[in-house]
Amino acid sequence: MEGKSEINIGKYVSRRLSQVKVLSRLLETELETAKGSRDLTMDRNVVEQVLDVLEIFIEDCDSVTGGGQAARKANEQKPAVARLN
């Protein structure tokens, strides 16, 4: 039974992986455009969209694998401590 769920998770992730591949190609193109230069200039909107796609991919993977629930519980259980220096 567990093997079947792993296959489903694999299909789920592979479908969403195409978005990450597009981001990879975009970044490769930006690097190629800035040939030889140490500086790379990207539009702020492009960077924000890249981050949005990556965050959505991470959240989707966490929701399928259950990783997000453990992280949320760990954050809820940590007491807030004020640090005085």
C-alpha atoms as a PDB file:
ATOM      1  CA  MET A   1       0.000   0.000   0.000  1.00  0.00           C
ATOM      2  CA  GLU A   2       2.852   2.370   0.841  1.00  0.00           C
ATOM      3  CA  GLY A   3       4.491   1.818  -2.545  1.00  0.00           C
ATOM      4  CA  LYS A   4       1.350   3.014  -4.300  1.00  0.00           C
ATOM      5  CA  SER A   5       1.316   6.296  -2.370  1.00  0.00           C
ATOM      6  CA  GLU A   6       4.995   6.860  -3.223  1.00  0.00           C
ATOM      7  CA  ILE A   7       4.202   6.491  -6.921  1.00  0.00           C
ATOM      8  CA  ASN A   8       1.372   8.991  -6.582  1.00  0.00           C
ATOM      9  CA  ILE A   9       3.674  11.433  -4.788  1.00  0.00           C
ATOM     10  CA  GLY A  10       6.220  11.025  -7.558  1.00  0.00           C
ATOM     11  CA  LYS A  11       3.627  11.814 -10.228  1.00  0.00           C
ATOM     12  CA  TYR A  12       2.361  14.757  -8.196  1.00  0.00           C
ATOM     13  CA  VAL A  13       5.841  16.228  -7.842  1.00  0.00           C
ATOM     14  CA  SER A  14       6.828  15.549 -11.460  1.00  0.00           C
ATOM     15  CA  ARG A  15       3.790  17.458 -12.734  1.00  0.00           C
ATOM     16  CA  ARG A  16       4.757  20.485 -10.674  1.00  0.00           C
ATOM     17  CA  LEU A  17       8.437  20.135 -11.461  1.00  0.00           C
ATOM     18  CA  SER A  18       7.847  21.601 -14.923  1.00  0.00           C
ATOM     19  CA  GLN A  19       7.371  25.033 -13.324  1.00  0.00           C
ATOM     20  CA  VAL A  20      10.750  24.765 -11.626  1.00  0.00           C
ATOM     21  CA  LYS A  21      12.328  23.705 -14.926  1.00  0.00           C
ATOM     22  CA  VAL A  22      10.940  26.839 -16.583  1.00  0.00           C
ATOM     23  CA  LEU A  23      12.492  28.933 -13.822  1.00  0.00           C
ATOM     24  CA  SER A  24      15.795  27.171 -14.353  1.00  0.00           C
ATOM     25  CA  ARG A  25      15.742  27.998 -18.076  1.00  0.00           C
ATOM     26  CA  LEU A  26      14.858  31.615 -17.301  1.00  0.00           C
ATOM     27  CA  LEU A  27      17.820  31.976 -14.975  1.00  0.00           C
ATOM     28  CA  GLU A  28      20.120  30.287 -17.490  1.00  0.00           C
ATOM     29  CA  THR A  29      18.973  32.750 -20.140  1.00  0.00           C
ATOM     30  CA  GLU A  30      19.590  35.707 -17.833  1.00  0.00           C
ATOM     31  CA  LEU A  31      23.089  34.441 -17.095  1.00  0.00           C
ATOM     32  CA  GLU A  32      23.784  33.913 -20.779  1.00  0.00           C
ATOM     33  CA  THR A  33      22.610  37.452 -21.526  1.00  0.00           C
ATOM     34  CA  ALA A  34      25.120  38.858 -19.035  1.00  0.00           C
ATOM     35  CA  LYS A  35      28.067  37.011 -20.647  1.00  0.00           C
ATOM     36  CA  GLY A  36      31.389  37.780 -19.048  1.00  0.00           C
ATOM     37  CA  SER A  37      29.966  40.292 -16.617  1.00  0.00           C
ATOM     38  CA  ARG A  38      30.054  39.704 -12.884  1.00  0.00           C
ATOM     39  CA  ASP A  39      26.848  41.736 -12.485  1.00  0.00           C
ATOM     40  CA  LEU A  40      23.432  40.412 -13.331  1.00  0.00           C
ATOM     41  CA  THR A  41      20.444  42.718 -13.565  1.00  0.00           C
ATOM     42  CA  MET A  42      16.928  41.327 -13.249  1.00  0.00           C
ATOM     43  CA  ASP A  43      13.623  43.076 -12.975  1.00  0.00           C
ATOM     44  CA  ARG A  44      12.223  43.039  -9.449  1.00  0.00           C
ATOM     45  CA  ASN A  45       8.898  41.651 -10.701  1.00  0.00           C
ATOM     46  CA  VAL A  46      10.682  38.699 -12.317  1.00  0.00           C
ATOM     47  CA  VAL A  47      12.497  37.864  -9.075  1.00  0.00           C
ATOM     48  CA  GLU A  48       9.234  38.130  -7.094  1.00  0.00           C
ATOM     49  CA  GLN A  49       7.513  35.777  -9.538  1.00  0.00           C
ATOM     50  CA  VAL A  50      10.387  33.303  -9.343  1.00  0.00           C
ATOM     51  CA  LEU A  51      10.108  33.296  -5.558  1.00  0.00           C
ATOM     52  CA  ASP A  52       6.327  32.869  -5.748  1.00  0.00           C
ATOM     53  CA  VAL A  53       6.619  29.823  -8.003  1.00  0.00           C
ATOM     54  CA  LEU A  54       9.287  28.268  -5.769  1.00  0.00           C
ATOM     55  CA  GLU A  55       7.222  28.875  -2.614  1.00  0.00           C
ATOM     56  CA  ILE A  56       4.136  27.321  -4.214  1.00  0.00           C
ATOM     57  CA  PHE A  57       6.166  24.284  -5.303  1.00  0.00           C
ATOM     58  CA  ILE A  58       7.605  23.870  -1.797  1.00  0.00           C
ATOM     59  CA  GLU A  59       4.176  24.232  -0.162  1.00  0.00           C
ATOM     60  CA  ASP A  60       2.652  21.700  -2.571  1.00  0.00           C
ATOM     61  CA  CYS A  61       5.415  19.183  -1.898  1.00  0.00           C
ATOM     62  CA  ASP A  62       5.148  19.726   1.859  1.00  0.00           C
ATOM     63  CA  SER A  63       1.380  19.247   1.792  1.00  0.00           C
ATOM     64  CA  VAL A  64       1.705  15.948  -0.099  1.00  0.00           C
ATOM     65  CA  THR A  65       4.550  14.556   1.993  1.00  0.00           C
ATOM     66  CA  GLY A  66       3.213  15.881   5.302  1.00  0.00           C
ATOM     67  CA  GLY A  67       6.352  17.937   5.939  1.00  0.00           C
ATOM     68  CA  GLY A  68       4.403  21.158   6.340  1.00  0.00           C
ATOM     69  CA  GLN A  69       2.381  19.848   9.277  1.00  0.00           C
ATOM     70  CA  ALA A  70       5.454  18.918  11.287  1.00  0.00           C
ATOM     71  CA  ALA A  71       7.057  22.296  10.652  1.00  0.00           C
ATOM     72  CA  ARG A  72       3.893  24.161  11.690  1.00  0.00           C
ATOM     73  CA  LYS A  73       3.598  22.122  14.889  1.00  0.00           C
ATOM     74  CA  ALA A  74       7.249  22.796  15.737  1.00  0.00           C
ATOM     75  CA  ASN A  75       6.717  26.527  15.245  1.00  0.00           C
ATOM     76  CA  GLU A  76       3.578  26.521  17.414  1.00  0.00           C
ATOM     77  CA  GLN A  77       5.279  24.713  20.295  1.00  0.00           C
ATOM     78  CA  LYS A  78       8.300  26.991  20.527  1.00  0.00           C
ATOM     79  CA  PRO A  79       7.886  29.475  23.360  1.00  0.00           C
ATOM     80  CA  ALA A  80       8.588  33.114  22.673  1.00  0.00           C
ATOM     81  CA  VAL A  81      11.705  34.179  24.564  1.00  0.00           C
ATOM     82  CA  ALA A  82      12.837  37.774  24.939  1.00  0.00           C
ATOM     83  CA  ARG A  83      16.577  38.160  24.791  1.00  0.00           C
ATOM     84  CA  LEU A  84      18.163  40.897  26.865  1.00  0.00           C
ATOM     85  CA  ASN A  85      21.732  41.837  26.142  1.00  0.00           C
END
